[in-house]
Amino acid sequence: MNGISGGKVGWVGYADPCTDNYLLCEHSDVGGGIYSGYQLLDWLAIEGGYDNFSGPSADYFAIGDSTQLVHYESEIQGFELGLKADLALTENLILFGKGGAFFWETEKKANEPFFGSIDERDNGQSLMLGTGIDYRLGEHWSVRLEYQFFDNVGDINTGGTDVHFVGLGIDYRFSWSEETTVTGLIPLAVVSEPEAIEAKNETKVVSPLTVVVRFVTNSDELSIDFQESLHAVIERLQDHPQSKVIISGYTDNVGRAEDNQMLSEKRAEMVASVIMMQTGIELNRITVKGFGEMEPVSSNDTKEGRAENRRVVIISPKVMINTRSEVLGK
């Protein structure tokens, strides 16, 4: 399970916050907030937080005395809660949109010469909409540039105004699962232990063999190192004509799911073609499958996790042979 915590600061704009008889009206200020959330899916999160958007200020003639000026100050603060949907543009750049509610409290203060101190408050809730981009700095840290719109904040006592916020945020992503954290470089190919042949009465047991091949983003090209990782597979197929292989392709979740499905199939087919060219085995000894971005072995929220998920897995099941080279089962 993955979570996020962060903070933001930026420009706040208020739409027509002052009544018609003002002498001076400030339509913008500086605001910010803190937020935290929980990743429901790879592309969907729930986020909530506290915002303080300062507030508009204005100068008016004093009530009952047009020779004196009175300065009014206001403050807007509250809690927002909503859903945030992500669309990966590149491995590190994420476009997002979000929507939800803003539970606000507004306050207006002034000191009128004839009426004394004025302190009026309102509270309520408003629609919140937003969009922006996230840039992943690493496994845990991200920066975001976002725009948010808050509809008609305020009420009869303090006056209502739409609020616009443009801010820069920085957040920290963390996980509290029991999965092992990847701390080192991921090898291009991982090969299981060499096959073992065990003698049992008149039966030889050829142990299963697994090879995992890694790929870079949006690529189905094989490196020279990949050829070395195939030696065990090729020797097994040549030495044991009854052995078979299952080749399964996978991707990370960057890009469209349909494109990832096609890419996973293409990667698996590429590996299968190399094996066939080097062994000349029959087609019925190879099974090729593509699973797209399904069945990830690590989190797609990190660069290292996405590298783990860009893979082709080659599995050759266990084979049992009698001493006369007759296949008893597999």
C-alpha atoms as a PDB file:
ATOM      1  CA  MET A   1       0.000   0.000   0.000  1.00  0.00           C
ATOM      2  CA  ASN A   2       1.299   3.436  -0.961  1.00  0.00           C
ATOM      3  CA  GLY A   3       0.700   6.842   0.590  1.00  0.00           C
ATOM      4  CA  ILE A   4       1.707  10.447  -0.041  1.00  0.00           C
ATOM      5  CA  SER A   5       2.280  13.571   2.080  1.00  0.00           C
ATOM      6  CA  GLY A   6       3.281  17.032   0.923  1.00  0.00           C
ATOM      7  CA  GLY A   7       2.849  20.786   0.938  1.00  0.00           C
ATOM      8  CA  LYS A   8       2.091  23.541  -1.576  1.00  0.00           C
ATOM      9  CA  VAL A   9       2.378  27.319  -1.873  1.00  0.00           C
ATOM     10  CA  GLY A  10       1.343  29.739  -4.581  1.00  0.00           C
ATOM     11  CA  TRP A  11      -0.825  32.569  -5.929  1.00  0.00           C
ATOM     12  CA  VAL A  12      -4.475  32.959  -4.936  1.00  0.00           C
ATOM     13  CA  GLY A  13      -6.938  34.974  -7.005  1.00  0.00           C
ATOM     14  CA  TYR A  14     -10.427  36.062  -5.944  1.00  0.00           C
ATOM     15  CA  ALA A  15     -13.230  36.770  -8.470  1.00  0.00           C
ATOM     16  CA  ASP A  16     -15.145  39.997  -7.610  1.00  0.00           C
ATOM     17  CA  PRO A  17     -14.641  39.744  -3.838  1.00  0.00           C
ATOM     18  CA  CYS A  18     -15.648  43.343  -3.007  1.00  0.00           C
ATOM     19  CA  THR A  19     -18.977  45.180  -3.113  1.00  0.00           C
ATOM     20  CA  ASP A  20     -19.519  48.069  -5.533  1.00  0.00           C
ATOM     21  CA  ASN A  21     -18.745  50.959  -3.171  1.00  0.00           C
ATOM     22  CA  TYR A  22     -15.126  50.005  -2.354  1.00  0.00           C
ATOM     23  CA  LEU A  23     -12.299  52.480  -2.748  1.00  0.00           C
ATOM     24  CA  LEU A  24      -9.483  49.905  -2.947  1.00  0.00           C
ATOM     25  CA  CYS A  25      -9.823  46.119  -3.384  1.00  0.00           C
ATOM     26  CA  GLU A  26      -7.084  43.491  -3.347  1.00  0.00           C
ATOM     27  CA  HIS A  27      -7.983  40.648  -5.722  1.00  0.00           C
ATOM     28  CA  SER A  28      -5.027  38.333  -5.038  1.00  0.00           C
ATOM     29  CA  ASP A  29      -2.720  37.121  -2.292  1.00  0.00           C
ATOM     30  CA  VAL A  30      -0.404  34.241  -1.357  1.00  0.00           C
ATOM     31  CA  GLY A  31      -1.739  30.961  -0.005  1.00  0.00           C
ATOM     32  CA  GLY A  32      -0.836  27.338   0.516  1.00  0.00           C
ATOM     33  CA  GLY A  33      -1.585  24.127   2.307  1.00  0.00           C
ATOM     34  CA  ILE A  34      -0.598  20.616   3.282  1.00  0.00           C
ATOM     35  CA  TYR A  35      -2.043  17.375   1.948  1.00  0.00           C
ATOM     36  CA  SER A  36      -1.840  13.611   2.234  1.00  0.00           C
ATOM     37  CA  GLY A  37      -3.400  10.702   0.395  1.00  0.00           C
ATOM     38  CA  TYR A  38      -3.658   7.019  -0.333  1.00  0.00           C
ATOM     39  CA  GLN A  39      -3.120   5.261  -3.688  1.00  0.00           C
ATOM     40  CA  LEU A  40      -6.298   3.261  -4.417  1.00  0.00           C
ATOM     41  CA  LEU A  41      -5.086   2.054  -7.834  1.00  0.00           C
ATOM     42  CA  ASP A  42      -1.989   2.634  -9.960  1.00  0.00           C
ATOM     43  CA  TRP A  43      -3.782   5.609 -11.581  1.00  0.00           C
ATOM     44  CA  LEU A  44      -6.253   6.695  -8.869  1.00  0.00           C
ATOM     45  CA  ALA A  45      -5.700   8.180  -5.407  1.00  0.00           C
ATOM     46  CA  ILE A  46      -7.760   9.831  -2.694  1.00  0.00           C
ATOM     47  CA  GLU A  47      -6.264  13.047  -1.282  1.00  0.00           C
ATOM     48  CA  GLY A  48      -7.229  15.452   1.462  1.00  0.00           C
ATOM     49  CA  GLY A  49      -5.635  18.390   3.217  1.00  0.00           C
ATOM     50  CA  TYR A  50      -5.797  21.787   4.864  1.00  0.00           C
ATOM     51  CA  ASP A  51      -5.719  25.020   2.810  1.00  0.00           C
ATOM     52  CA  ASN A  52      -5.238  28.630   3.872  1.00  0.00           C
ATOM     53  CA  PHE A  53      -5.976  30.999   0.995  1.00  0.00           C
ATOM     54  CA  SER A  54      -5.459  34.279   2.931  1.00  0.00           C
ATOM     55  CA  GLY A  55      -8.351  36.469   1.744  1.00  0.00           C
ATOM     56  CA  PRO A  56      -9.301  39.647  -0.116  1.00  0.00           C
ATOM     57  CA  SER A  57      -9.015  43.022   1.590  1.00  0.00           C
ATOM     58  CA  ALA A  58     -10.668  46.368   0.808  1.00  0.00           C
ATOM     59  CA  ASP A  59     -11.013  49.970   1.920  1.00  0.00           C
ATOM     60  CA  TYR A  60     -14.478  51.551   2.346  1.00  0.00           C
ATOM     61  CA  PHE A  61     -15.879  54.774   3.748  1.00  0.00           C
ATOM     62  CA  ALA A  62     -16.895  54.325   7.357  1.00  0.00           C
ATOM     63  CA  ILE A  63     -20.543  53.529   7.959  1.00  0.00           C
ATOM     64  CA  GLY A  64     -22.254  56.827   8.657  1.00  0.00           C
ATOM     65  CA  ASP A  65     -19.133  58.932   7.988  1.00  0.00           C
ATOM     66  CA  SER A  66     -17.878  59.458   4.419  1.00  0.00           C
ATOM     67  CA  THR A  67     -14.809  61.348   5.653  1.00  0.00           C
ATOM     68  CA  GLN A  68     -13.132  58.304   7.242  1.00  0.00           C
ATOM     69  CA  LEU A  69     -11.736  55.158   5.630  1.00  0.00           C
ATOM     70  CA  VAL A  70     -12.079  51.718   7.150  1.00  0.00           C
ATOM     71  CA  HIS A  71      -9.906  48.765   6.130  1.00  0.00           C
ATOM     72  CA  TYR A  72     -11.597  45.344   5.927  1.00  0.00           C
ATOM     73  CA  GLU A  73      -9.578  42.103   6.114  1.00  0.00           C
ATOM     74  CA  SER A  74     -10.812  38.584   5.399  1.00  0.00           C
ATOM     75  CA  GLU A  75      -9.476  35.058   5.647  1.00  0.00           C
ATOM     76  CA  ILE A  76     -10.390  31.851   3.791  1.00  0.00           C
ATOM     77  CA  GLN A  77      -9.363  28.470   5.150  1.00  0.00           C
ATOM     78  CA  GLY A  78     -10.674  24.911   5.170  1.00  0.00           C
ATOM     79  CA  PHE A  79     -10.233  21.284   4.269  1.00  0.00           C
ATOM     80  CA  GLU A  80     -10.436  19.753   0.817  1.00  0.00           C
ATOM     81  CA  LEU A  81     -11.159  16.099  -0.014  1.00  0.00           C
ATOM     82  CA  GLY A  82     -11.239  14.534  -3.462  1.00  0.00           C
ATOM     83  CA  LEU A  83     -10.073  11.953  -5.987  1.00  0.00           C
ATOM     84  CA  LYS A  84      -6.935  12.389  -8.130  1.00  0.00           C
ATOM     85  CA  ALA A  85      -6.561  10.537 -11.452  1.00  0.00           C
ATOM     86  CA  ASP A  86      -3.146  10.172 -13.143  1.00  0.00           C
ATOM     87  CA  LEU A  87      -2.136   9.752 -16.787  1.00  0.00           C
ATOM     88  CA  ALA A  88       1.531   8.880 -17.403  1.00  0.00           C
ATOM     89  CA  LEU A  89       3.006  10.947 -20.250  1.00  0.00           C
ATOM     90  CA  THR A  90       6.533   9.624 -19.745  1.00  0.00           C
ATOM     91  CA  GLU A  91       8.238   7.496 -17.116  1.00  0.00           C
ATOM     92  CA  ASN A  92       8.630  10.514 -14.805  1.00  0.00           C
ATOM     93  CA  LEU A  93       6.016  13.031 -16.043  1.00  0.00           C
ATOM     94  CA  ILE A  94       2.397  12.544 -14.927  1.00  0.00           C
ATOM     95  CA  LEU A  95      -0.653  14.571 -16.008  1.00  0.00           C
ATOM     96  CA  PHE A  96      -3.408  14.590 -13.382  1.00  0.00           C
ATOM     97  CA  GLY A  97      -6.899  15.847 -12.775  1.00  0.00           C
ATOM     98  CA  LYS A  98      -8.857  15.950  -9.545  1.00  0.00           C
ATOM     99  CA  GLY A  99     -12.245  16.825  -8.152  1.00  0.00           C
ATOM    100  CA  GLY A 100     -14.026  16.901  -4.832  1.00  0.00           C
ATOM    101  CA  ALA A 101     -15.278  19.253  -2.146  1.00  0.00           C
ATOM    102  CA  PHE A 102     -13.842  22.168  -0.146  1.00  0.00           C
ATOM    103  CA  PHE A 103     -15.199  22.568   3.399  1.00  0.00           C
ATOM    104  CA  TRP A 104     -14.460  26.216   4.132  1.00  0.00           C
ATOM    105  CA  GLU A 105     -14.651  28.795   6.889  1.00  0.00           C
ATOM    106  CA  THR A 106     -14.476  32.507   6.063  1.00  0.00           C
ATOM    107  CA  GLU A 107     -13.950  35.446   8.408  1.00  0.00           C
ATOM    108  CA  LYS A 108     -14.287  39.214   7.862  1.00  0.00           C
ATOM    109  CA  LYS A 109     -12.811  41.782  10.260  1.00  0.00           C
ATOM    110  CA  ALA A 110     -12.864  45.582  10.514  1.00  0.00           C
ATOM    111  CA  ASN A 111     -12.977  48.373  13.077  1.00  0.00           C
ATOM    112  CA  GLU A 112     -15.787  50.816  12.335  1.00  0.00           C
ATOM    113  CA  PRO A 113     -15.608  54.144  14.208  1.00  0.00           C
ATOM    114  CA  PHE A 114     -19.321  54.127  15.138  1.00  0.00           C
ATOM    115  CA  PHE A 115     -20.048  50.387  15.337  1.00  0.00           C
ATOM    116  CA  GLY A 116     -16.785  49.222  16.847  1.00  0.00           C
ATOM    117  CA  SER A 117     -15.091  45.930  16.100  1.00  0.00           C
ATOM    118  CA  ILE A 118     -16.673  43.750  13.373  1.00  0.00           C
ATOM    119  CA  ASP A 119     -15.933  40.026  13.228  1.00  0.00           C
ATOM    120  CA  GLU A 120     -18.268  38.014  10.989  1.00  0.00           C
ATOM    121  CA  ARG A 121     -17.931  34.353   9.996  1.00  0.00           C
ATOM    122  CA  ASP A 122     -19.468  31.880   7.535  1.00  0.00           C
ATOM    123  CA  ASN A 123     -18.892  28.211   6.793  1.00  0.00           C
ATOM    124  CA  GLY A 124     -20.024  25.778   4.134  1.00  0.00           C
ATOM    125  CA  GLN A 125     -18.795  23.620   1.286  1.00  0.00           C
ATOM    126  CA  SER A 126     -17.997  24.213  -2.380  1.00  0.00           C
ATOM    127  CA  LEU A 127     -17.025  22.280  -5.483  1.00  0.00           C
ATOM    128  CA  MET A 128     -13.273  21.813  -6.020  1.00  0.00           C
ATOM    129  CA  LEU A 129     -11.730  21.036  -9.432  1.00  0.00           C
ATOM    130  CA  GLY A 130      -8.050  20.899 -10.371  1.00  0.00           C
ATOM    131  CA  THR A 131      -5.446  19.817 -12.869  1.00  0.00           C
ATOM    132  CA  GLY A 132      -1.664  19.826 -13.133  1.00  0.00           C
ATOM    133  CA  ILE A 133       1.499  17.841 -13.691  1.00  0.00           C
ATOM    134  CA  ASP A 134       3.637  15.706 -11.386  1.00  0.00           C
ATOM    135  CA  TYR A 135       7.340  15.205 -12.024  1.00  0.00           C
ATOM    136  CA  ARG A 136       8.949  12.263 -10.241  1.00  0.00           C
ATOM    137  CA  LEU A 137      12.389  13.215  -8.900  1.00  0.00           C
ATOM    138  CA  GLY A 138      13.107   9.707  -7.685  1.00  0.00           C
ATOM    139  CA  GLU A 139      11.584   6.753  -5.897  1.00  0.00           C
ATOM    140  CA  HIS A 140      10.043   8.865  -3.131  1.00  0.00           C
ATOM    141  CA  TRP A 141      10.111  12.584  -4.035  1.00  0.00           C
ATOM    142  CA  SER A 142       7.936  14.440  -6.557  1.00  0.00           C
ATOM    143  CA  VAL A 143       7.143  18.041  -7.457  1.00  0.00           C
ATOM    144  CA  ARG A 144       3.799  19.186  -8.798  1.00  0.00           C
ATOM    145  CA  LEU A 145       2.509  22.297 -10.560  1.00  0.00           C
ATOM    146  CA  GLU A 146      -1.250  22.606 -10.237  1.00  0.00           C
ATOM    147  CA  TYR A 147      -4.290  24.818 -10.754  1.00  0.00           C
ATOM    148  CA  GLN A 148      -7.377  24.567  -8.543  1.00  0.00           C
ATOM    149  CA  PHE A 149     -10.814  26.176  -8.772  1.00  0.00           C
ATOM    150  CA  PHE A 150     -13.106  26.572  -5.761  1.00  0.00           C
ATOM    151  CA  ASP A 151     -16.669  27.610  -6.548  1.00  0.00           C
ATOM    152  CA  ASN A 152     -18.372  30.414  -4.575  1.00  0.00           C
ATOM    153  CA  VAL A 153     -16.550  30.368  -1.244  1.00  0.00           C
ATOM    154  CA  GLY A 154     -18.275  32.503   1.405  1.00  0.00           C
ATOM    155  CA  ASP A 155     -21.871  33.367   2.317  1.00  0.00           C
ATOM    156  CA  ILE A 156     -24.204  36.167   3.371  1.00  0.00           C
ATOM    157  CA  ASN A 157     -22.073  37.548   6.223  1.00  0.00           C
ATOM    158  CA  THR A 158     -18.684  37.570   4.538  1.00  0.00           C
ATOM    159  CA  GLY A 159     -19.632  37.657   0.860  1.00  0.00           C
ATOM    160  CA  GLY A 160     -18.996  34.987  -1.760  1.00  0.00           C
ATOM    161  CA  THR A 161     -16.186  34.705  -4.293  1.00  0.00           C
ATOM    162  CA  ASP A 162     -14.724  32.087  -6.611  1.00  0.00           C
ATOM    163  CA  VAL A 163     -11.166  31.179  -5.607  1.00  0.00           C
ATOM    164  CA  HIS A 164      -8.376  30.329  -8.059  1.00  0.00           C
ATOM    165  CA  PHE A 165      -5.132  28.791  -6.843  1.00  0.00           C
ATOM    166  CA  VAL A 166      -1.929  28.223  -8.862  1.00  0.00           C
ATOM    167  CA  GLY A 167       0.762  26.585  -6.799  1.00  0.00           C
ATOM    168  CA  LEU A 168       3.936  24.576  -6.633  1.00  0.00           C
ATOM    169  CA  GLY A 169       4.059  21.557  -4.339  1.00  0.00           C
ATOM    170  CA  ILE A 170       6.525  18.932  -3.228  1.00  0.00           C
ATOM    171  CA  ASP A 171       5.525  15.564  -1.812  1.00  0.00           C
ATOM    172  CA  TYR A 172       6.988  12.371  -0.418  1.00  0.00           C
ATOM    173  CA  ARG A 173       5.680   8.941  -1.430  1.00  0.00           C
ATOM    174  CA  PHE A 174       5.967   6.070   0.998  1.00  0.00           C
ATOM    175  CA  SER A 175       4.890   2.462   1.335  1.00  0.00           C
ATOM    176  CA  TRP A 176       3.903   0.456   4.381  1.00  0.00           C
ATOM    177  CA  SER A 177       3.621  -2.931   2.681  1.00  0.00           C
ATOM    178  CA  GLU A 178       5.842  -5.890   3.517  1.00  0.00           C
ATOM    179  CA  GLU A 179       7.245  -6.060   0.001  1.00  0.00           C
ATOM    180  CA  THR A 180      11.012  -5.976  -0.349  1.00  0.00           C
ATOM    181  CA  THR A 181      12.316  -2.572  -1.399  1.00  0.00           C
ATOM    182  CA  VAL A 182      14.559  -2.526  -4.460  1.00  0.00           C
ATOM    183  CA  THR A 183      17.761  -0.719  -3.568  1.00  0.00           C
ATOM    184  CA  GLY A 184      20.201  -1.765  -6.286  1.00  0.00           C
ATOM    185  CA  LEU A 185      20.375  -1.890 -10.045  1.00  0.00           C
ATOM    186  CA  ILE A 186      18.150  -4.430 -11.760  1.00  0.00           C
ATOM    187  CA  PRO A 187      20.043  -6.876 -13.986  1.00  0.00           C
ATOM    188  CA  LEU A 188      19.005  -7.294 -17.591  1.00  0.00           C
ATOM    189  CA  ALA A 189      18.327 -11.003 -17.172  1.00  0.00           C
ATOM    190  CA  VAL A 190      17.921 -13.242 -14.147  1.00  0.00           C
ATOM    191  CA  VAL A 191      18.422 -16.974 -14.553  1.00  0.00           C
ATOM    192  CA  SER A 192      17.261 -19.543 -12.026  1.00  0.00           C
ATOM    193  CA  GLU A 193      19.616 -22.114 -10.607  1.00  0.00           C
ATOM    194  CA  PRO A 194      21.064 -24.486 -13.252  1.00  0.00           C
ATOM    195  CA  GLU A 195      18.927 -27.507 -13.901  1.00  0.00           C
ATOM    196  CA  ALA A 196      19.564 -30.489 -11.710  1.00  0.00           C
ATOM    197  CA  ILE A 197      19.178 -34.085 -12.844  1.00  0.00           C
ATOM    198  CA  GLU A 198      18.262 -36.425 -10.038  1.00  0.00           C
ATOM    199  CA  ALA A 199      18.465 -40.190 -10.347  1.00  0.00           C
ATOM    200  CA  LYS A 200      15.584 -42.018  -8.740  1.00  0.00           C
ATOM    201  CA  ASN A 201      15.433 -45.715  -9.493  1.00  0.00           C
ATOM    202  CA  GLU A 202      15.263 -45.771 -13.320  1.00  0.00           C
ATOM    203  CA  THR A 203      13.854 -42.230 -13.641  1.00  0.00           C
ATOM    204  CA  LYS A 204      15.692 -38.963 -14.262  1.00  0.00           C
ATOM    205  CA  VAL A 205      14.045 -35.746 -13.025  1.00  0.00           C
ATOM    206  CA  VAL A 206      14.961 -32.638 -14.985  1.00  0.00           C
ATOM    207  CA  SER A 207      14.190 -29.678 -12.712  1.00  0.00           C
ATOM    208  CA  PRO A 208      12.175 -26.646 -13.924  1.00  0.00           C
ATOM    209  CA  LEU A 209      14.091 -23.746 -15.455  1.00  0.00           C
ATOM    210  CA  THR A 210      13.139 -20.058 -15.320  1.00  0.00           C
ATOM    211  CA  VAL A 211      14.761 -17.119 -17.132  1.00  0.00           C
ATOM    212  CA  VAL A 212      13.637 -13.475 -16.729  1.00  0.00           C
ATOM    213  CA  VAL A 213      14.577 -10.880 -19.362  1.00  0.00           C
ATOM    214  CA  ARG A 214      14.277  -7.118 -18.735  1.00  0.00           C
ATOM    215  CA  PHE A 215      13.485  -4.384 -21.273  1.00  0.00           C
ATOM    216  CA  VAL A 216      13.775  -0.607 -21.404  1.00  0.00           C
ATOM    217  CA  THR A 217      10.618   1.541 -21.673  1.00  0.00           C
ATOM    218  CA  ASN A 218       8.589   1.184 -24.895  1.00  0.00           C
ATOM    219  CA  SER A 219      11.138  -1.201 -26.464  1.00  0.00           C
ATOM    220  CA  ASP A 220      11.199  -4.814 -27.613  1.00  0.00           C
ATOM    221  CA  GLU A 221      14.900  -4.835 -28.548  1.00  0.00           C
ATOM    222  CA  LEU A 222      17.143  -7.522 -27.074  1.00  0.00           C
ATOM    223  CA  SER A 223      20.662  -6.763 -25.861  1.00  0.00           C
ATOM    224  CA  ILE A 224      23.818  -8.830 -26.385  1.00  0.00           C
ATOM    225  CA  ASP A 225      23.665  -9.835 -22.714  1.00  0.00           C
ATOM    226  CA  PHE A 226      20.351 -11.513 -23.436  1.00  0.00           C
ATOM    227  CA  GLN A 227      22.039 -14.081 -25.688  1.00  0.00           C
ATOM    228  CA  GLU A 228      24.163 -15.304 -22.772  1.00  0.00           C
ATOM    229  CA  SER A 229      21.081 -15.747 -20.578  1.00  0.00           C
ATOM    230  CA  LEU A 230      19.577 -18.091 -23.188  1.00  0.00           C
ATOM    231  CA  HIS A 231      22.356 -20.684 -23.051  1.00  0.00           C
ATOM    232  CA  ALA A 232      20.621 -22.738 -20.351  1.00  0.00           C
ATOM    233  CA  VAL A 233      17.300 -22.652 -22.237  1.00  0.00           C
ATOM    234  CA  ILE A 234      18.876 -23.650 -25.556  1.00  0.00           C
ATOM    235  CA  GLU A 235      20.908 -26.490 -24.044  1.00  0.00           C
ATOM    236  CA  ARG A 236      17.826 -27.826 -22.286  1.00  0.00           C
ATOM    237  CA  LEU A 237      15.713 -27.823 -25.455  1.00  0.00           C
ATOM    238  CA  GLN A 238      18.473 -29.489 -27.460  1.00  0.00           C
ATOM    239  CA  ASP A 239      19.390 -32.103 -24.840  1.00  0.00           C
ATOM    240  CA  HIS A 240      15.783 -33.021 -23.979  1.00  0.00           C
ATOM    241  CA  PRO A 241      13.528 -33.134 -27.068  1.00  0.00           C
ATOM    242  CA  GLN A 242      10.493 -33.667 -24.879  1.00  0.00           C
ATOM    243  CA  SER A 243      10.974 -30.372 -22.981  1.00  0.00           C
ATOM    244  CA  LYS A 244       8.838 -27.307 -23.730  1.00  0.00           C
ATOM    245  CA  VAL A 245       8.898 -23.601 -22.874  1.00  0.00           C
ATOM    246  CA  ILE A 246       6.221 -21.056 -21.964  1.00  0.00           C
ATOM    247  CA  ILE A 247       7.182 -17.453 -22.853  1.00  0.00           C
ATOM    248  CA  SER A 248       5.139 -14.673 -21.181  1.00  0.00           C
ATOM    249  CA  GLY A 249       5.533 -10.928 -21.853  1.00  0.00           C
ATOM    250  CA  TYR A 250       4.723  -8.081 -19.453  1.00  0.00           C
ATOM    251  CA  THR A 251       5.010  -4.254 -19.324  1.00  0.00           C
ATOM    252  CA  ASP A 252       4.818  -1.450 -16.776  1.00  0.00           C
ATOM    253  CA  ASN A 253       1.725   0.810 -16.693  1.00  0.00           C
ATOM    254  CA  VAL A 254       3.202   3.758 -18.612  1.00  0.00           C
ATOM    255  CA  GLY A 255       1.000   4.543 -21.625  1.00  0.00           C
ATOM    256  CA  ARG A 256      -2.313   3.115 -22.798  1.00  0.00           C
ATOM    257  CA  ALA A 257      -3.334  -0.377 -21.685  1.00  0.00           C
ATOM    258  CA  GLU A 258      -4.055  -1.406 -25.300  1.00  0.00           C
ATOM    259  CA  ASP A 259      -0.567  -0.378 -26.441  1.00  0.00           C
ATOM    260  CA  ASN A 260       1.006  -2.171 -23.480  1.00  0.00           C
ATOM    261  CA  GLN A 261      -0.856  -5.386 -24.352  1.00  0.00           C
ATOM    262  CA  MET A 262       0.504  -5.285 -27.916  1.00  0.00           C
ATOM    263  CA  LEU A 263       4.014  -4.482 -26.655  1.00  0.00           C
ATOM    264  CA  SER A 264       3.978  -7.420 -24.216  1.00  0.00           C
ATOM    265  CA  GLU A 265       2.989  -9.802 -27.024  1.00  0.00           C
ATOM    266  CA  LYS A 266       5.670  -8.375 -29.303  1.00  0.00           C
ATOM    267  CA  ARG A 267       8.345  -8.836 -26.638  1.00  0.00           C
ATOM    268  CA  ALA A 268       7.344 -12.459 -26.040  1.00  0.00           C
ATOM    269  CA  GLU A 269       7.273 -13.191 -29.790  1.00  0.00           C
ATOM    270  CA  MET A 270      10.722 -11.627 -30.217  1.00  0.00           C
ATOM    271  CA  VAL A 271      12.198 -13.906 -27.544  1.00  0.00           C
ATOM    272  CA  ALA A 272      10.445 -16.933 -29.053  1.00  0.00           C
ATOM    273  CA  SER A 273      11.823 -16.190 -32.531  1.00  0.00           C
ATOM    274  CA  VAL A 274      15.378 -16.003 -31.184  1.00  0.00           C
ATOM    275  CA  ILE A 275      14.999 -19.371 -29.420  1.00  0.00           C
ATOM    276  CA  MET A 276      13.553 -21.013 -32.531  1.00  0.00           C
ATOM    277  CA  MET A 277      16.321 -19.689 -34.790  1.00  0.00           C
ATOM    278  CA  GLN A 278      19.031 -21.005 -32.475  1.00  0.00           C
ATOM    279  CA  THR A 279      17.455 -24.389 -31.721  1.00  0.00           C
ATOM    280  CA  GLY A 280      15.253 -25.188 -34.711  1.00  0.00           C
ATOM    281  CA  ILE A 281      12.638 -26.705 -32.399  1.00  0.00           C
ATOM    282  CA  GLU A 282       9.037 -27.363 -33.418  1.00  0.00           C
ATOM    283  CA  LEU A 283       6.352 -24.741 -32.904  1.00  0.00           C
ATOM    284  CA  ASN A 284       4.354 -27.036 -30.622  1.00  0.00           C
ATOM    285  CA  ARG A 285       7.156 -26.888 -28.039  1.00  0.00           C
ATOM    286  CA  ILE A 286       6.749 -23.129 -27.510  1.00  0.00           C
ATOM    287  CA  THR A 287       3.756 -21.296 -25.992  1.00  0.00           C
ATOM    288  CA  VAL A 288       3.743 -17.474 -26.323  1.00  0.00           C
ATOM    289  CA  LYS A 289       1.527 -15.201 -24.215  1.00  0.00           C
ATOM    290  CA  GLY A 290       1.209 -11.443 -23.573  1.00  0.00           C
ATOM    291  CA  PHE A 291      -0.263 -10.008 -20.374  1.00  0.00           C
ATOM    292  CA  GLY A 292       0.313  -6.259 -20.870  1.00  0.00           C
ATOM    293  CA  GLU A 293       0.493  -4.309 -17.620  1.00  0.00           C
ATOM    294  CA  MET A 294      -1.303  -7.037 -15.625  1.00  0.00           C
ATOM    295  CA  GLU A 295       0.426  -9.096 -12.947  1.00  0.00           C
ATOM    296  CA  PRO A 296       3.111  -6.578 -11.875  1.00  0.00           C
ATOM    297  CA  VAL A 297       5.830  -7.999  -9.635  1.00  0.00           C
ATOM    298  CA  SER A 298       6.648  -4.592  -8.135  1.00  0.00           C
ATOM    299  CA  SER A 299       5.063  -1.166  -7.660  1.00  0.00           C
ATOM    300  CA  ASN A 300       4.670   0.974 -10.791  1.00  0.00           C
ATOM    301  CA  ASP A 301       5.001   4.092  -8.615  1.00  0.00           C
ATOM    302  CA  THR A 302       8.811   3.912  -8.733  1.00  0.00           C
ATOM    303  CA  LYS A 303      11.366   3.820 -11.542  1.00  0.00           C
ATOM    304  CA  GLU A 304      12.896   0.663 -10.118  1.00  0.00           C
ATOM    305  CA  GLY A 305       9.504  -1.032  -9.792  1.00  0.00           C
ATOM    306  CA  ARG A 306       8.547  -0.225 -13.389  1.00  0.00           C
ATOM    307  CA  ALA A 307      11.883  -1.679 -14.561  1.00  0.00           C
ATOM    308  CA  GLU A 308      11.054  -4.912 -12.710  1.00  0.00           C
ATOM    309  CA  ASN A 309       7.695  -5.116 -14.488  1.00  0.00           C
ATOM    310  CA  ARG A 310       9.113  -4.678 -18.032  1.00  0.00           C
ATOM    311  CA  ARG A 311       9.988  -8.335 -18.532  1.00  0.00           C
ATOM    312  CA  VAL A 312       9.638 -11.578 -20.437  1.00  0.00           C
ATOM    313  CA  VAL A 313       9.529 -14.743 -18.329  1.00  0.00           C
ATOM    314  CA  ILE A 314      10.692 -18.035 -19.905  1.00  0.00           C
ATOM    315  CA  ILE A 315       9.589 -21.152 -18.028  1.00  0.00           C
ATOM    316  CA  SER A 316      10.439 -24.726 -18.926  1.00  0.00           C
ATOM    317  CA  PRO A 317       8.458 -27.130 -16.692  1.00  0.00           C
ATOM    318  CA  LYS A 318       9.890 -30.172 -14.958  1.00  0.00           C
ATOM    319  CA  VAL A 319      10.481 -33.236 -17.160  1.00  0.00           C
ATOM    320  CA  MET A 320      10.705 -36.858 -16.003  1.00  0.00           C
ATOM    321  CA  ILE A 321      12.605 -39.357 -18.181  1.00  0.00           C
ATOM    322  CA  ASN A 322      13.310 -43.046 -17.660  1.00  0.00           C
ATOM    323  CA  THR A 323      16.808 -44.365 -18.178  1.00  0.00           C
ATOM    324  CA  ARG A 324      15.798 -45.575 -21.624  1.00  0.00           C
ATOM    325  CA  SER A 325      14.940 -41.961 -22.591  1.00  0.00           C
ATOM    326  CA  GLU A 326      11.204 -42.669 -22.537  1.00  0.00           C
ATOM    327  CA  VAL A 327       9.070 -39.764 -21.386  1.00  0.00           C
ATOM    328  CA  LEU A 328       7.002 -40.776 -18.386  1.00  0.00           C
ATOM    329  CA  GLY A 329       5.453 -37.360 -17.704  1.00  0.00           C
ATOM    330  CA  LYS A 330       6.066 -33.721 -17.203  1.00  0.00           C
END
